All heavy atoms as atom14 arrays in JSON, in Angstrom:
{
  "sequence": "AEANPQLTVLLLEKSPKLLGKVRISGGGRCNVTHACES",
  "atom14_mask": [
    [1, 1, 1, 1, 1, 0, 0, 0, 0, 0, 0, 0, 0, 0],
    [1, 1, 1, 1, 1, 1, 1, 1, 1, 0, 0, 0, 0, 0],
    [1, 1, 1, 1, 1, 0, 0, 0, 0, 0, 0, 0, 0, 0],
    [1, 1, 1, 1, 1, 1, 1, 1, 0, 0, 0, 0, 0, 0],
    [1, 1, 1, 1, 1, 1, 1, 0, 0, 0, 0, 0, 0, 0],
    [1, 1, 1, 1, 1, 1, 1, 1, 1, 0, 0, 0, 0, 0],
    [1, 1, 1, 1, 1, 1, 1, 1, 0, 0, 0, 0, 0, 0],
    [1, 1, 1, 1, 1, 1, 1, 0, 0, 0, 0, 0, 0, 0],
    [1, 1, 1, 1, 1, 1, 1, 0, 0, 0, 0, 0, 0, 0],
    [1, 1, 1, 1, 1, 1, 1, 1, 0, 0, 0, 0, 0, 0],
    [1, 1, 1, 1, 1, 1, 1, 1, 0, 0, 0, 0, 0, 0],
    [1, 1, 1, 1, 1, 1, 1, 1, 0, 0, 0, 0, 0, 0],
    [1, 1, 1, 1, 1, 1, 1, 1, 1, 0, 0, 0, 0, 0],
    [1, 1, 1, 1, 1, 1, 1, 1, 1, 0, 0, 0, 0, 0],
    [1, 1, 1, 1, 1, 1, 0, 0, 0, 0, 0, 0, 0, 0],
    [1, 1, 1, 1, 1, 1, 1, 0, 0, 0, 0, 0, 0, 0],
    [1, 1, 1, 1, 1, 1, 1, 1, 1, 0, 0, 0, 0, 0],
    [1, 1, 1, 1, 1, 1, 1, 1, 0, 0, 0, 0, 0, 0],
    [1, 1, 1, 1, 1, 1, 1, 1, 0, 0, 0, 0, 0, 0],
    [1, 1, 1, 1, 0, 0, 0, 0, 0, 0, 0, 0, 0, 0],
    [1, 1, 1, 1, 1, 1, 1, 1, 1, 0, 0, 0, 0, 0],
    [1, 1, 1, 1, 1, 1, 1, 0, 0, 0, 0, 0, 0, 0],
    [1, 1, 1, 1, 1, 1, 1, 1, 1, 1, 1, 0, 0, 0],
    [1, 1, 1, 1, 1, 1, 1, 1, 0, 0, 0, 0, 0, 0],
    [1, 1, 1, 1, 1, 1, 0, 0, 0, 0, 0, 0, 0, 0],
    [1, 1, 1, 1, 0, 0, 0, 0, 0, 0, 0, 0, 0, 0],
    [1, 1, 1, 1, 0, 0, 0, 0, 0, 0, 0, 0, 0, 0],
    [1, 1, 1, 1, 0, 0, 0, 0, 0, 0, 0, 0, 0, 0],
    [1, 1, 1, 1, 1, 1, 1, 1, 1, 1, 1, 0, 0, 0],
    [1, 1, 1, 1, 1, 1, 0, 0, 0, 0, 0, 0, 0, 0],
    [1, 1, 1, 1, 1, 1, 1, 1, 0, 0, 0, 0, 0, 0],
    [1, 1, 1, 1, 1, 1, 1, 0, 0, 0, 0, 0, 0, 0],
    [1, 1, 1, 1, 1, 1, 1, 0, 0, 0, 0, 0, 0, 0],
    [1, 1, 1, 1, 1, 1, 1, 1, 1, 1, 0, 0, 0, 0],
    [1, 1, 1, 1, 1, 0, 0, 0, 0, 0, 0, 0, 0, 0],
    [1, 1, 1, 1, 1, 1, 0, 0, 0, 0, 0, 0, 0, 0],
    [1, 1, 1, 1, 1, 1, 1, 1, 1, 0, 0, 0, 0, 0],
    [1, 1, 1, 1, 1, 1, 0, 0, 0, 0, 0, 0, 0, 0]
  ],
  "atom14_positions": [
    [[1.91, 13.37, -0.7], [3.09, 13.99, -0.1], [4.17, 14.29, -1.14], [4.86, 15.31, -1.05], [3.65, 13.08, 0.99], [0.0, 0.0, 0.0], [0.0, 0.0, 0.0], [0.0, 0.0, 0.0], [0.0, 0.0, 0.0], [0.0, 0.0, 0.0], [0.0, 0.0, 0.0], [0.0, 0.0, 0.0], [0.0, 0.0, 0.0], [0.0, 0.0, 0.0]],
    [[4.32, 13.41, -2.12], [5.34, 13.65, -3.15], [4.93, 14.79, -4.08], [5.78, 15.55, -4.54], [5.56, 12.37, -3.97], [6.31, 11.28, -3.2], [6.58, 10.05, -4.03], [5.95, 9.88, -5.1], [7.43, 9.24, -3.62], [0.0, 0.0, 0.0], [0.0, 0.0, 0.0], [0.0, 0.0, 0.0], [0.0, 0.0, 0.0], [0.0, 0.0, 0.0]],
    [[3.61, 14.9, -4.34], [3.14, 15.95, -5.24], [3.15, 17.33, -4.59], [3.3, 18.34, -5.27], [1.74, 15.62, -5.74], [0.0, 0.0, 0.0], [0.0, 0.0, 0.0], [0.0, 0.0, 0.0], [0.0, 0.0, 0.0], [0.0, 0.0, 0.0], [0.0, 0.0, 0.0], [0.0, 0.0, 0.0], [0.0, 0.0, 0.0], [0.0, 0.0, 0.0]],
    [[3.02, 17.38, -3.26], [2.99, 18.66, -2.56], [3.71, 18.53, -1.22], [3.08, 18.27, -0.18], [1.55, 19.12, -2.34], [1.47, 20.54, -1.79], [2.47, 21.1, -1.34], [0.28, 21.12, -1.81], [0.0, 0.0, 0.0], [0.0, 0.0, 0.0], [0.0, 0.0, 0.0], [0.0, 0.0, 0.0], [0.0, 0.0, 0.0], [0.0, 0.0, 0.0]],
    [[5.02, 18.71, -1.21], [5.8, 18.57, 0.04], [5.42, 19.57, 1.11], [5.81, 19.4, 2.28], [7.25, 18.78, -0.43], [7.23, 18.51, -1.91], [5.89, 18.97, -2.37], [0.0, 0.0, 0.0], [0.0, 0.0, 0.0], [0.0, 0.0, 0.0], [0.0, 0.0, 0.0], [0.0, 0.0, 0.0], [0.0, 0.0, 0.0], [0.0, 0.0, 0.0]],
    [[4.67, 20.62, 0.75], [4.29, 21.62, 1.75], [3.17, 21.13, 2.66], [2.93, 21.69, 3.73], [3.81, 22.9, 1.03], [4.85, 23.51, 0.09], [6.16, 23.81, 0.81], [6.16, 24.39, 1.89], [7.26, 23.39, 0.22], [0.0, 0.0, 0.0], [0.0, 0.0, 0.0], [0.0, 0.0, 0.0], [0.0, 0.0, 0.0], [0.0, 0.0, 0.0]],
    [[2.49, 20.07, 2.25], [1.41, 19.53, 3.07], [1.95, 18.66, 4.2], [2.99, 18.02, 4.07], [0.47, 18.67, 2.21], [-0.41, 19.38, 1.18], [-1.12, 18.35, 0.32], [-1.42, 20.27, 1.88], [0.0, 0.0, 0.0], [0.0, 0.0, 0.0], [0.0, 0.0, 0.0], [0.0, 0.0, 0.0], [0.0, 0.0, 0.0], [0.0, 0.0, 0.0]],
    [[1.23, 18.62, 5.28], [1.47, 17.63, 6.33], [0.48, 16.5, 6.08], [-0.73, 16.7, 6.18], [1.26, 18.22, 7.73], [2.25, 19.23, 7.96], [1.38, 17.14, 8.79], [0.0, 0.0, 0.0], [0.0, 0.0, 0.0], [0.0, 0.0, 0.0], [0.0, 0.0, 0.0], [0.0, 0.0, 0.0], [0.0, 0.0, 0.0], [0.0, 0.0, 0.0]],
    [[1.0, 15.34, 5.72], [0.15, 14.2, 5.37], [0.21, 13.18, 6.5], [1.28, 12.66, 6.83], [0.6, 13.56, 4.04], [-0.32, 12.38, 3.7], [0.58, 14.59, 2.92], [0.0, 0.0, 0.0], [0.0, 0.0, 0.0], [0.0, 0.0, 0.0], [0.0, 0.0, 0.0], [0.0, 0.0, 0.0], [0.0, 0.0, 0.0], [0.0, 0.0, 0.0]],
    [[-0.94, 12.91, 7.1], [-1.04, 11.93, 8.18], [-1.73, 10.68, 7.67], [-2.79, 10.76, 7.05], [-1.85, 12.5, 9.34], [-1.41, 13.85, 9.92], [-2.36, 14.26, 11.03], [0.01, 13.76, 10.45], [0.0, 0.0, 0.0], [0.0, 0.0, 0.0], [0.0, 0.0, 0.0], [0.0, 0.0, 0.0], [0.0, 0.0, 0.0], [0.0, 0.0, 0.0]],
    [[-1.14, 9.54, 7.92], [-1.78, 8.26, 7.6], [-2.16, 7.61, 8.91], [-1.3, 7.29, 9.74], [-0.83, 7.36, 6.79], [-1.48, 6.12, 6.16], [-0.72, 5.68, 4.92], [-1.55, 4.95, 7.14], [0.0, 0.0, 0.0], [0.0, 0.0, 0.0], [0.0, 0.0, 0.0], [0.0, 0.0, 0.0], [0.0, 0.0, 0.0], [0.0, 0.0, 0.0]],
    [[-3.47, 7.41, 9.11], [-4.0, 6.92, 10.38], [-4.57, 5.51, 10.21], [-5.48, 5.3, 9.41], [-5.09, 7.86, 10.89], [-4.74, 9.36, 10.92], [-5.93, 10.17, 11.39], [-3.52, 9.61, 11.8], [0.0, 0.0, 0.0], [0.0, 0.0, 0.0], [0.0, 0.0, 0.0], [0.0, 0.0, 0.0], [0.0, 0.0, 0.0], [0.0, 0.0, 0.0]],
    [[-4.03, 4.58, 10.96], [-4.48, 3.18, 10.91], [-4.97, 2.77, 12.29], [-4.26, 2.94, 13.28], [-3.34, 2.27, 10.46], [-3.55, 0.79, 10.67], [-4.79, 0.24, 9.98], [-5.06, 0.63, 8.82], [-5.5, -0.57, 10.6], [0.0, 0.0, 0.0], [0.0, 0.0, 0.0], [0.0, 0.0, 0.0], [0.0, 0.0, 0.0], [0.0, 0.0, 0.0]],
    [[-6.19, 2.24, 12.36], [-6.77, 1.91, 13.67], [-6.13, 0.69, 14.32], [-6.12, 0.57, 15.54], [-8.28, 1.7, 13.54], [-8.68, 0.5, 12.72], [-10.2, 0.37, 12.68], [-10.63, -0.86, 11.89], [-12.11, -0.99, 11.85], [0.0, 0.0, 0.0], [0.0, 0.0, 0.0], [0.0, 0.0, 0.0], [0.0, 0.0, 0.0], [0.0, 0.0, 0.0]],
    [[-5.59, -0.23, 13.53], [-4.99, -1.45, 14.1], [-3.51, -1.23, 14.34], [-2.94, -0.23, 13.92], [-5.19, -2.63, 13.14], [-4.29, -2.54, 12.06], [0.0, 0.0, 0.0], [0.0, 0.0, 0.0], [0.0, 0.0, 0.0], [0.0, 0.0, 0.0], [0.0, 0.0, 0.0], [0.0, 0.0, 0.0], [0.0, 0.0, 0.0], [0.0, 0.0, 0.0]],
    [[-2.85, -2.18, 14.99], [-1.41, -2.04, 15.21], [-0.58, -2.44, 14.0], [0.63, -2.25, 13.99], [-1.14, -2.97, 16.4], [-2.22, -4.0, 16.33], [-3.42, -3.3, 15.78], [0.0, 0.0, 0.0], [0.0, 0.0, 0.0], [0.0, 0.0, 0.0], [0.0, 0.0, 0.0], [0.0, 0.0, 0.0], [0.0, 0.0, 0.0], [0.0, 0.0, 0.0]],
    [[-1.22, -2.99, 12.97], [-0.48, -3.51, 11.81], [-0.78, -2.7, 10.56], [-1.88, -2.2, 10.36], [-0.85, -4.98, 11.57], [-0.46, -5.9, 12.72], [-0.83, -7.34, 12.4], [-0.44, -8.28, 13.54], [-0.8, -9.7, 13.24], [0.0, 0.0, 0.0], [0.0, 0.0, 0.0], [0.0, 0.0, 0.0], [0.0, 0.0, 0.0], [0.0, 0.0, 0.0]],
    [[0.24, -2.62, 9.71], [0.12, -1.91, 8.45], [0.24, -2.9, 7.29], [0.93, -3.92, 7.39], [1.23, -0.86, 8.32], [1.24, 0.25, 9.38], [2.56, 1.0, 9.34], [0.07, 1.2, 9.16], [0.0, 0.0, 0.0], [0.0, 0.0, 0.0], [0.0, 0.0, 0.0], [0.0, 0.0, 0.0], [0.0, 0.0, 0.0], [0.0, 0.0, 0.0]],
    [[-0.44, -2.59, 6.19], [-0.3, -3.35, 4.94], [-0.55, -4.84, 5.12], [0.16, -5.68, 4.56], [1.1, -3.09, 4.34], [1.37, -1.62, 3.98], [2.85, -1.38, 3.74], [0.56, -1.22, 2.74], [0.0, 0.0, 0.0], [0.0, 0.0, 0.0], [0.0, 0.0, 0.0], [0.0, 0.0, 0.0], [0.0, 0.0, 0.0], [0.0, 0.0, 0.0]],
    [[-1.59, -5.17, 5.89], [-1.88, -6.56, 6.19], [-2.14, -7.41, 4.96], [-1.59, -8.5, 4.81], [0.0, 0.0, 0.0], [0.0, 0.0, 0.0], [0.0, 0.0, 0.0], [0.0, 0.0, 0.0], [0.0, 0.0, 0.0], [0.0, 0.0, 0.0], [0.0, 0.0, 0.0], [0.0, 0.0, 0.0], [0.0, 0.0, 0.0], [0.0, 0.0, 0.0]],
    [[-2.98, -6.92, 4.04], [-3.3, -7.7, 2.84], [-2.09, -7.83, 1.92], [-1.92, -8.85, 1.25], [-4.45, -7.06, 2.08], [-5.82, -7.52, 2.51], [-6.85, -7.12, 1.48], [-8.23, -7.59, 1.88], [-9.25, -7.24, 0.89], [0.0, 0.0, 0.0], [0.0, 0.0, 0.0], [0.0, 0.0, 0.0], [0.0, 0.0, 0.0], [0.0, 0.0, 0.0]],
    [[-1.28, -6.8, 1.88], [-0.08, -6.86, 1.05], [0.83, -7.99, 1.53], [1.4, -8.74, 0.73], [0.68, -5.51, 1.08], [2.01, -5.62, 0.36], [-0.18, -4.41, 0.46], [0.0, 0.0, 0.0], [0.0, 0.0, 0.0], [0.0, 0.0, 0.0], [0.0, 0.0, 0.0], [0.0, 0.0, 0.0], [0.0, 0.0, 0.0], [0.0, 0.0, 0.0]],
    [[0.92, -8.15, 2.82], [1.82, -9.18, 3.39], [1.36, -10.59, 3.04], [2.19, -11.47, 2.79], [1.9, -9.02, 4.91], [2.56, -7.73, 5.36], [2.63, -7.64, 6.87], [3.0, -6.33, 7.32], [4.24, -5.88, 7.41], [5.25, -6.66, 7.1], [4.47, -4.64, 7.83], [0.0, 0.0, 0.0], [0.0, 0.0, 0.0], [0.0, 0.0, 0.0]],
    [[0.04, -10.84, 3.03], [-0.43, -12.21, 2.84], [-0.79, -12.52, 1.39], [-0.97, -13.69, 1.04], [-1.64, -12.51, 3.73], [-2.84, -11.65, 3.33], [-1.31, -12.33, 5.19], [-4.12, -11.99, 4.06], [0.0, 0.0, 0.0], [0.0, 0.0, 0.0], [0.0, 0.0, 0.0], [0.0, 0.0, 0.0], [0.0, 0.0, 0.0], [0.0, 0.0, 0.0]],
    [[-0.88, -11.5, 0.55], [-1.3, -11.72, -0.83], [-0.36, -12.68, -1.56], [0.85, -12.66, -1.37], [-1.34, -10.39, -1.58], [-1.36, -10.58, -2.98], [0.0, 0.0, 0.0], [0.0, 0.0, 0.0], [0.0, 0.0, 0.0], [0.0, 0.0, 0.0], [0.0, 0.0, 0.0], [0.0, 0.0, 0.0], [0.0, 0.0, 0.0], [0.0, 0.0, 0.0]],
    [[-0.97, -13.5, -2.42], [-0.17, -14.4, -3.24], [0.64, -15.39, -2.45], [1.75, -15.74, -2.85], [0.0, 0.0, 0.0], [0.0, 0.0, 0.0], [0.0, 0.0, 0.0], [0.0, 0.0, 0.0], [0.0, 0.0, 0.0], [0.0, 0.0, 0.0], [0.0, 0.0, 0.0], [0.0, 0.0, 0.0], [0.0, 0.0, 0.0], [0.0, 0.0, 0.0]],
    [[0.09, -15.83, -1.33], [0.83, -16.78, -0.5], [2.1, -16.19, 0.08], [3.09, -16.9, 0.29], [0.0, 0.0, 0.0], [0.0, 0.0, 0.0], [0.0, 0.0, 0.0], [0.0, 0.0, 0.0], [0.0, 0.0, 0.0], [0.0, 0.0, 0.0], [0.0, 0.0, 0.0], [0.0, 0.0, 0.0], [0.0, 0.0, 0.0], [0.0, 0.0, 0.0]],
    [[2.06, -14.87, 0.37], [3.24, -14.22, 0.93], [4.2, -13.68, -0.11], [5.27, -13.17, 0.23], [0.0, 0.0, 0.0], [0.0, 0.0, 0.0], [0.0, 0.0, 0.0], [0.0, 0.0, 0.0], [0.0, 0.0, 0.0], [0.0, 0.0, 0.0], [0.0, 0.0, 0.0], [0.0, 0.0, 0.0], [0.0, 0.0, 0.0], [0.0, 0.0, 0.0]],
    [[3.8, -13.76, -1.39], [4.66, -13.24, -2.46], [4.19, -11.88, -2.97], [4.95, -11.16, -3.6], [4.72, -14.23, -3.63], [5.37, -15.56, -3.28], [5.75, -16.32, -4.55], [4.57, -16.66, -5.35], [4.58, -16.73, -6.68], [5.67, -16.43, -7.36], [3.48, -17.07, -7.33], [0.0, 0.0, 0.0], [0.0, 0.0, 0.0], [0.0, 0.0, 0.0]],
    [[2.92, -11.55, -2.73], [2.29, -10.3, -3.16], [2.1, -10.22, -4.67], [3.02, -9.87, -5.41], [3.03, -9.05, -2.68], [2.04, -7.56, -3.0], [0.0, 0.0, 0.0], [0.0, 0.0, 0.0], [0.0, 0.0, 0.0], [0.0, 0.0, 0.0], [0.0, 0.0, 0.0], [0.0, 0.0, 0.0], [0.0, 0.0, 0.0], [0.0, 0.0, 0.0]],
    [[0.89, -10.53, -5.09], [0.5, -10.41, -6.49], [0.2, -8.94, -6.77], [-0.94, -8.5, -6.65], [-0.71, -11.3, -6.73], [-1.16, -11.38, -8.17], [-2.15, -12.02, -8.47], [-0.45, -10.73, -9.08], [0.0, 0.0, 0.0], [0.0, 0.0, 0.0], [0.0, 0.0, 0.0], [0.0, 0.0, 0.0], [0.0, 0.0, 0.0], [0.0, 0.0, 0.0]],
    [[1.22, -8.19, -7.17], [1.16, -6.72, -7.25], [0.15, -6.23, -8.28], [-0.61, -5.29, -8.04], [2.55, -6.15, -7.57], [2.5, -4.63, -7.73], [3.53, -6.53, -6.47], [0.0, 0.0, 0.0], [0.0, 0.0, 0.0], [0.0, 0.0, 0.0], [0.0, 0.0, 0.0], [0.0, 0.0, 0.0], [0.0, 0.0, 0.0], [0.0, 0.0, 0.0]],
    [[0.14, -6.86, -9.45], [-0.76, -6.44, -10.52], [-0.83, -7.55, -11.54], [-0.37, -8.67, -11.29], [-0.29, -5.11, -11.16], [-1.29, -4.65, -12.09], [1.04, -5.25, -11.85], [0.0, 0.0, 0.0], [0.0, 0.0, 0.0], [0.0, 0.0, 0.0], [0.0, 0.0, 0.0], [0.0, 0.0, 0.0], [0.0, 0.0, 0.0], [0.0, 0.0, 0.0]],
    [[-1.41, -7.27, -12.71], [-1.56, -8.26, -13.75], [-1.08, -7.66, -15.07], [-1.31, -6.48, -15.34], [-3.03, -8.69, -13.88], [-3.21, -10.02, -14.52], [-3.36, -11.18, -13.81], [-3.26, -10.39, -15.83], [-3.5, -12.2, -14.63], [-3.45, -11.74, -15.87], [0.0, 0.0, 0.0], [0.0, 0.0, 0.0], [0.0, 0.0, 0.0], [0.0, 0.0, 0.0]],
    [[-0.47, -8.47, -15.9], [0.13, -7.97, -17.14], [-0.94, -7.63, -18.17], [-1.27, -8.45, -19.03], [1.1, -8.99, -17.7], [0.0, 0.0, 0.0], [0.0, 0.0, 0.0], [0.0, 0.0, 0.0], [0.0, 0.0, 0.0], [0.0, 0.0, 0.0], [0.0, 0.0, 0.0], [0.0, 0.0, 0.0], [0.0, 0.0, 0.0], [0.0, 0.0, 0.0]],
    [[-1.5, -6.44, -18.07], [-2.46, -5.92, -19.05], [-1.88, -4.64, -19.63], [-1.6, -3.7, -18.9], [-3.8, -5.63, -18.4], [-4.69, -7.09, -17.81], [0.0, 0.0, 0.0], [0.0, 0.0, 0.0], [0.0, 0.0, 0.0], [0.0, 0.0, 0.0], [0.0, 0.0, 0.0], [0.0, 0.0, 0.0], [0.0, 0.0, 0.0], [0.0, 0.0, 0.0]],
    [[-1.7, -4.62, -20.93], [-1.06, -3.46, -21.55], [-1.98, -2.25, -21.65], [-1.53, -1.12, -21.63], [-0.53, -3.84, -22.94], [0.6, -4.87, -22.92], [1.12, -5.16, -24.3], [0.59, -4.56, -25.27], [2.04, -5.98, -24.41], [0.0, 0.0, 0.0], [0.0, 0.0, 0.0], [0.0, 0.0, 0.0], [0.0, 0.0, 0.0], [0.0, 0.0, 0.0]],
    [[-3.28, -2.5, -21.79], [-4.2, -1.39, -22.01], [-5.3, -1.36, -20.97], [-5.62, -2.38, -20.34], [-4.83, -1.49, -23.4], [-5.7, -2.62, -23.46], [0.0, 0.0, 0.0], [0.0, 0.0, 0.0], [0.0, 0.0, 0.0], [0.0, 0.0, 0.0], [0.0, 0.0, 0.0], [0.0, 0.0, 0.0], [0.0, 0.0, 0.0], [0.0, 0.0, 0.0]]
  ]
}
């Protein structure tokens, strides 16, 4: 959507909840990534 604002972008999720794994990751802290430079 950011690269092409002319598009209609639909995000379809079958469950009632979004970003479930993000919420519980890292004991509720969310381990976003790992410090690797390359």
